[in-house]
Each structure stands twice: as structure tokens, then as C-alpha cells.
Amino acid sequence: MQDYGRAGFFSSPIHDEHPISAALRQIGLDRDDAHHLTVAIANKCAVFLTCDGPILHHRRAIEAAFSILVRRPSEFVAERSTP
């Protein structure tokens, strides 16, 4: 809680980190990247498209731990274009 004197007080709730986000951070993602993937995983997305280097660097570990594929947009298009 922050005391602003005559202006009042400001209090923000403490939020526990989502278990999926915590696991992604253990894999090596930063907070923002873990949050983006957490939203996709929690919403049962099959594929997460990104050009983000750190996410792509950890994609094998992400795919091993969760039911989601991590792809560059170009990879996704190439996979869908081949018969």
C-alpha cells in the first residue's frame, strides 16, 4: 500500500503467477513472452505463431511441455502448403 498523504492511498492486489507462466519462465522465457504463450496455451490454441527469437529458441522445450506447436509464420504457411 502506498500512502499519498492527503491524496489518499493506493493499493494493488498481489497476483500469483499462473502455473503455466511459471513453467514457461523455468524453461527460460521472460515474463512478457511467458504471458503471451500462457494465454495461447490456456485457450487451447494448437499453434503459436511468432518471429520472437527467445520463444523460437525454446520451442522444443515448450512443445515437449505443452500441447502447442510454436512456428514462424513462414514455417506455418510452408507446412500447410505441402500436400
Protein backbone atom coordinates (compact mmCIF):
# COMPACT_ATOMS: atom_id res chain seq x y z
CA MET A 1 0.00 0.00 0.00
CA GLN A 2 1.34 3.41 -0.94
CA ASP A 3 0.42 6.44 1.20
CA TYR A 4 -0.12 9.55 -0.90
CA GLY A 5 -0.88 11.75 2.10
CA ARG A 6 -3.93 13.93 1.61
CA ALA A 7 -4.46 12.38 -1.83
CA GLY A 8 -5.25 9.02 -0.23
CA PHE A 9 -3.86 5.53 -0.55
CA PHE A 10 -3.12 3.26 -3.46
CA SER A 11 -3.32 -0.48 -3.02
CA SER A 12 -2.82 -3.09 -5.69
CA PRO A 13 -3.61 -6.75 -5.19
CA ILE A 14 -0.89 -9.35 -5.19
CA HIS A 15 -1.32 -11.70 -8.12
CA ASP A 16 0.18 -15.15 -8.05
CA GLU A 17 1.92 -16.18 -11.23
CA HIS A 18 -0.12 -18.59 -13.34
CA PRO A 19 1.34 -22.13 -13.17
CA ILE A 20 1.75 -22.26 -16.96
CA SER A 21 3.61 -18.96 -16.93
CA ALA A 22 5.83 -20.17 -14.09
CA ALA A 23 6.70 -23.31 -16.06
CA LEU A 24 7.50 -21.25 -19.16
CA ARG A 25 9.74 -18.98 -17.11
CA GLN A 26 11.54 -22.08 -15.82
CA ILE A 27 12.14 -23.06 -19.47
CA GLY A 28 13.84 -19.70 -19.95
CA LEU A 29 11.25 -17.24 -21.27
CA ASP A 30 10.97 -13.72 -19.92
CA ARG A 31 7.80 -12.56 -18.21
CA ASP A 32 6.15 -11.00 -21.28
CA ASP A 33 6.87 -13.94 -23.58
CA ALA A 34 5.66 -16.37 -20.92
CA HIS A 35 2.45 -14.36 -20.55
CA HIS A 36 1.74 -14.40 -24.31
CA LEU A 37 2.24 -18.14 -24.50
CA THR A 38 0.24 -18.71 -21.32
CA VAL A 39 -2.77 -17.03 -22.90
CA ALA A 40 -2.45 -19.20 -26.01
CA ILE A 41 -1.97 -22.43 -24.04
CA ALA A 42 -4.80 -21.67 -21.59
CA ASN A 43 -7.11 -21.02 -24.56
CA LYS A 44 -6.11 -24.35 -26.10
CA CYS A 45 -4.55 -22.88 -29.24
CA ALA A 46 -2.97 -25.55 -31.42
CA VAL A 47 -0.29 -23.27 -32.88
CA PHE A 48 1.53 -20.16 -31.65
CA LEU A 49 2.99 -18.06 -34.48
CA THR A 50 5.94 -15.81 -33.69
CA CYS A 51 9.13 -14.27 -35.02
CA ASP A 52 10.40 -13.78 -31.47
CA GLY A 53 13.89 -15.24 -31.18
CA PRO A 54 13.79 -16.30 -27.50
CA ILE A 55 10.48 -18.12 -27.95
CA LEU A 56 11.74 -19.88 -31.07
CA HIS A 57 14.97 -20.77 -29.27
CA HIS A 58 12.98 -22.61 -26.58
CA ARG A 59 10.29 -24.08 -28.82
CA ARG A 60 11.36 -27.72 -28.42
CA ALA A 61 11.08 -27.47 -24.65
CA ILE A 62 7.76 -25.58 -24.94
CA GLU A 63 6.31 -28.19 -27.31
CA ALA A 64 7.54 -31.02 -25.07
CA ALA A 65 5.89 -29.49 -22.00
CA PHE A 66 2.62 -28.25 -23.54
CA SER A 67 0.15 -29.22 -26.26
CA ILE A 68 1.06 -26.37 -28.60
CA LEU A 69 3.21 -26.01 -31.70
CA VAL A 70 5.49 -22.97 -31.94
CA ARG A 71 6.16 -21.85 -35.51
CA ARG A 72 7.40 -18.92 -37.53
CA PRO A 73 4.60 -17.66 -39.80
CA SER A 74 6.62 -18.74 -42.85
CA GLU A 75 7.02 -22.26 -41.43
CA PHE A 76 3.30 -22.49 -40.75
CA VAL A 77 2.46 -21.46 -44.32
CA ALA A 78 5.03 -23.89 -45.77
CA GLU A 79 3.67 -26.77 -43.67
CA ARG A 80 0.12 -26.06 -44.81
CA SER A 81 1.11 -25.60 -48.47
CA THR A 82 2.65 -29.03 -48.96
CA PRO A 83 0.18 -31.78 -49.95
